[in-house]
Amino acid sequence: MFTVVEMVNSMIDKVVYFLYVVRTGSFSDAARQYGISASAGSRWIIELEEKMGVSLLKRSTRKVVPTSRGKTI
């Protein structure tokens, strides 16, 4: 069972990682900079999108860009 502080810290980590992805335009570059695996980072973004109930990133084979909702963060 998570404490409230642990849940908040987890959410903050995911938002910060999201900002790394937006800045770099790449899950793998952002993961390298943040010190996690790209698969873990991708999972974090999916969890963040599910928690917020919106799509935050537009993914393509070449780059990742924020959606209009993602830009508001």
N, C-alpha and C. Protein backbone atom coordinates (compact mmCIF):
# COMPACT_ATOMS: atom_id res chain seq x y z
N MET A 1 0.84 -1.18 0.00
CA MET A 1 0.00 0.00 0.00
C MET A 1 0.89 1.24 0.00
N PHE A 2 0.58 2.18 -0.88
CA PHE A 2 1.35 3.42 -0.98
C PHE A 2 0.83 4.46 0.00
N THR A 3 1.74 5.26 0.51
CA THR A 3 1.31 6.41 1.30
C THR A 3 0.97 7.54 0.34
N VAL A 4 0.33 8.56 0.83
CA VAL A 4 -0.03 9.71 0.00
C VAL A 4 1.24 10.36 -0.56
N VAL A 5 2.26 10.47 0.25
CA VAL A 5 3.52 11.09 -0.18
C VAL A 5 4.15 10.28 -1.31
N GLU A 6 4.15 8.96 -1.19
CA GLU A 6 4.71 8.11 -2.24
C GLU A 6 3.91 8.25 -3.54
N MET A 7 2.60 8.34 -3.44
CA MET A 7 1.76 8.50 -4.63
C MET A 7 2.03 9.85 -5.29
N VAL A 8 2.15 10.90 -4.52
CA VAL A 8 2.43 12.23 -5.07
C VAL A 8 3.80 12.25 -5.72
N ASN A 9 4.81 11.68 -5.06
CA ASN A 9 6.15 11.62 -5.62
C ASN A 9 6.18 10.84 -6.93
N SER A 10 5.42 9.76 -7.00
CA SER A 10 5.35 8.97 -8.23
C SER A 10 4.74 9.79 -9.36
N MET A 11 3.70 10.55 -9.05
CA MET A 11 3.05 11.39 -10.07
C MET A 11 4.01 12.49 -10.52
N ILE A 12 4.74 13.08 -9.59
CA ILE A 12 5.70 14.13 -9.94
C ILE A 12 6.79 13.56 -10.85
N ASP A 13 7.30 12.37 -10.53
CA ASP A 13 8.30 11.74 -11.39
C ASP A 13 7.78 11.57 -12.81
N LYS A 14 6.53 11.15 -12.94
CA LYS A 14 5.95 10.93 -14.27
C LYS A 14 5.79 12.24 -15.03
N VAL A 15 5.37 13.29 -14.35
CA VAL A 15 5.21 14.59 -15.00
C VAL A 15 6.58 15.13 -15.43
N VAL A 16 7.57 15.00 -14.57
CA VAL A 16 8.92 15.47 -14.92
C VAL A 16 9.45 14.68 -16.12
N TYR A 17 9.26 13.36 -16.12
CA TYR A 17 9.69 12.55 -17.26
C TYR A 17 8.95 12.99 -18.53
N PHE A 18 7.66 13.26 -18.42
CA PHE A 18 6.88 13.78 -19.56
C PHE A 18 7.54 15.04 -20.12
N LEU A 19 7.97 15.94 -19.24
CA LEU A 19 8.63 17.18 -19.69
C LEU A 19 9.95 16.88 -20.40
N TYR A 20 10.68 15.88 -19.93
CA TYR A 20 11.90 15.46 -20.61
C TYR A 20 11.57 14.96 -22.02
N VAL A 21 10.51 14.17 -22.15
CA VAL A 21 10.11 13.65 -23.46
C VAL A 21 9.76 14.80 -24.39
N VAL A 22 8.99 15.76 -23.91
CA VAL A 22 8.61 16.90 -24.74
C VAL A 22 9.86 17.68 -25.16
N ARG A 23 10.77 17.90 -24.23
CA ARG A 23 11.98 18.67 -24.53
C ARG A 23 12.87 17.97 -25.56
N THR A 24 13.02 16.64 -25.42
CA THR A 24 13.91 15.90 -26.31
C THR A 24 13.22 15.40 -27.57
N GLY A 25 11.89 15.23 -27.49
CA GLY A 25 11.15 14.67 -28.63
C GLY A 25 11.36 13.18 -28.80
N SER A 26 11.85 12.54 -27.74
CA SER A 26 12.20 11.12 -27.84
C SER A 26 12.06 10.44 -26.48
N PHE A 27 11.41 9.27 -26.47
CA PHE A 27 11.31 8.50 -25.24
C PHE A 27 12.69 8.01 -24.80
N SER A 28 13.48 7.50 -25.74
CA SER A 28 14.78 6.93 -25.37
C SER A 28 15.76 8.00 -24.89
N ASP A 29 15.80 9.16 -25.55
CA ASP A 29 16.68 10.24 -25.10
C ASP A 29 16.27 10.75 -23.72
N ALA A 30 14.96 10.90 -23.52
CA ALA A 30 14.46 11.36 -22.23
C ALA A 30 14.77 10.34 -21.14
N ALA A 31 14.59 9.06 -21.44
CA ALA A 31 14.87 8.01 -20.46
C ALA A 31 16.35 8.00 -20.09
N ARG A 32 17.20 8.16 -21.08
CA ARG A 32 18.65 8.18 -20.82
C ARG A 32 18.99 9.34 -19.89
N GLN A 33 18.42 10.51 -20.16
CA GLN A 33 18.69 11.68 -19.33
C GLN A 33 18.11 11.53 -17.92
N TYR A 34 16.96 10.89 -17.82
CA TYR A 34 16.29 10.74 -16.52
C TYR A 34 16.83 9.56 -15.72
N GLY A 35 17.54 8.65 -16.40
CA GLY A 35 18.14 7.52 -15.72
C GLY A 35 17.24 6.32 -15.54
N ILE A 36 16.29 6.14 -16.49
CA ILE A 36 15.41 4.97 -16.46
C ILE A 36 15.43 4.32 -17.83
N SER A 37 14.85 3.14 -17.95
CA SER A 37 14.77 2.48 -19.26
C SER A 37 13.66 3.14 -20.09
N ALA A 38 13.81 3.05 -21.40
CA ALA A 38 12.79 3.62 -22.30
C ALA A 38 11.44 2.93 -22.10
N SER A 39 11.46 1.63 -21.84
CA SER A 39 10.19 0.91 -21.65
C SER A 39 9.50 1.36 -20.36
N ALA A 40 10.28 1.61 -19.31
CA ALA A 40 9.69 2.12 -18.06
C ALA A 40 9.12 3.52 -18.29
N GLY A 41 9.84 4.35 -19.02
CA GLY A 41 9.37 5.70 -19.32
C GLY A 41 8.08 5.68 -20.13
N SER A 42 8.03 4.81 -21.11
CA SER A 42 6.82 4.68 -21.93
C SER A 42 5.64 4.27 -21.06
N ARG A 43 5.89 3.34 -20.16
CA ARG A 43 4.84 2.88 -19.24
C ARG A 43 4.39 4.03 -18.33
N TRP A 44 5.34 4.84 -17.85
CA TRP A 44 5.00 5.99 -17.01
C TRP A 44 4.07 6.95 -17.75
N ILE A 45 4.37 7.20 -19.03
CA ILE A 45 3.53 8.13 -19.81
C ILE A 45 2.13 7.56 -19.98
N ILE A 46 2.04 6.28 -20.26
CA ILE A 46 0.72 5.64 -20.39
C ILE A 46 -0.05 5.75 -19.08
N GLU A 47 0.62 5.49 -17.96
CA GLU A 47 -0.04 5.60 -16.64
C GLU A 47 -0.48 7.04 -16.37
N LEU A 48 0.36 8.00 -16.73
CA LEU A 48 0.02 9.41 -16.54
C LEU A 48 -1.19 9.78 -17.38
N GLU A 49 -1.20 9.35 -18.65
CA GLU A 49 -2.34 9.64 -19.53
C GLU A 49 -3.62 9.00 -19.00
N GLU A 50 -3.52 7.78 -18.51
CA GLU A 50 -4.70 7.10 -17.96
C GLU A 50 -5.20 7.81 -16.71
N LYS A 51 -4.28 8.21 -15.85
CA LYS A 51 -4.66 8.91 -14.61
C LYS A 51 -5.35 10.23 -14.92
N MET A 52 -4.83 10.95 -15.96
CA MET A 52 -5.39 12.25 -16.31
C MET A 52 -6.59 12.14 -17.25
N GLY A 53 -6.73 10.98 -17.88
CA GLY A 53 -7.87 10.76 -18.77
C GLY A 53 -7.76 11.47 -20.12
N VAL A 54 -6.53 11.81 -20.52
CA VAL A 54 -6.30 12.49 -21.80
C VAL A 54 -5.02 11.97 -22.44
N SER A 55 -4.94 12.13 -23.76
CA SER A 55 -3.71 11.81 -24.47
C SER A 55 -2.79 13.03 -24.39
N LEU A 56 -1.56 12.83 -23.94
CA LEU A 56 -0.63 13.94 -23.76
C LEU A 56 0.39 14.05 -24.88
N LEU A 57 0.64 12.93 -25.57
CA LEU A 57 1.67 12.91 -26.61
C LEU A 57 1.13 12.31 -27.90
N LYS A 58 1.58 12.87 -29.01
CA LYS A 58 1.31 12.32 -30.32
C LYS A 58 2.58 11.59 -30.74
N ARG A 59 2.47 10.29 -30.93
CA ARG A 59 3.64 9.47 -31.22
C ARG A 59 3.70 9.13 -32.71
N SER A 60 4.91 9.18 -33.25
CA SER A 60 5.14 8.69 -34.61
C SER A 60 6.45 7.92 -34.58
N THR A 61 6.80 7.32 -35.71
CA THR A 61 8.04 6.55 -35.74
C THR A 61 9.27 7.45 -35.68
N ARG A 62 9.11 8.72 -35.99
CA ARG A 62 10.26 9.62 -36.02
C ARG A 62 10.39 10.52 -34.80
N LYS A 63 9.26 10.94 -34.24
CA LYS A 63 9.35 11.84 -33.10
C LYS A 63 8.09 11.80 -32.25
N VAL A 64 8.17 12.44 -31.12
CA VAL A 64 7.06 12.54 -30.19
C VAL A 64 6.80 14.02 -29.95
N VAL A 65 5.55 14.44 -30.10
CA VAL A 65 5.19 15.84 -29.86
C VAL A 65 3.98 15.89 -28.93
N PRO A 66 3.88 16.94 -28.14
CA PRO A 66 2.73 17.02 -27.24
C PRO A 66 1.44 17.31 -27.99
N THR A 67 0.35 16.76 -27.49
CA THR A 67 -0.98 17.11 -28.01
C THR A 67 -1.33 18.49 -27.45
N SER A 68 -2.47 19.02 -27.84
CA SER A 68 -2.88 20.31 -27.30
C SER A 68 -3.02 20.23 -25.78
N ARG A 69 -3.51 19.11 -25.26
CA ARG A 69 -3.61 18.93 -23.80
C ARG A 69 -2.22 18.82 -23.18
N GLY A 70 -1.32 18.15 -23.87
CA GLY A 70 0.04 18.00 -23.38
C GLY A 70 0.77 19.33 -23.31
N LYS A 71 0.45 20.23 -24.21
CA LYS A 71 1.09 21.55 -24.23
C LYS A 71 0.68 22.38 -23.01
N THR A 72 -0.49 22.11 -22.47
CA THR A 72 -0.94 22.89 -21.31
C THR A 72 -0.17 22.55 -20.04
N ILE A 73 0.44 21.39 -20.03
CA ILE A 73 1.23 20.99 -18.86
C ILE A 73 2.55 21.69 -18.92
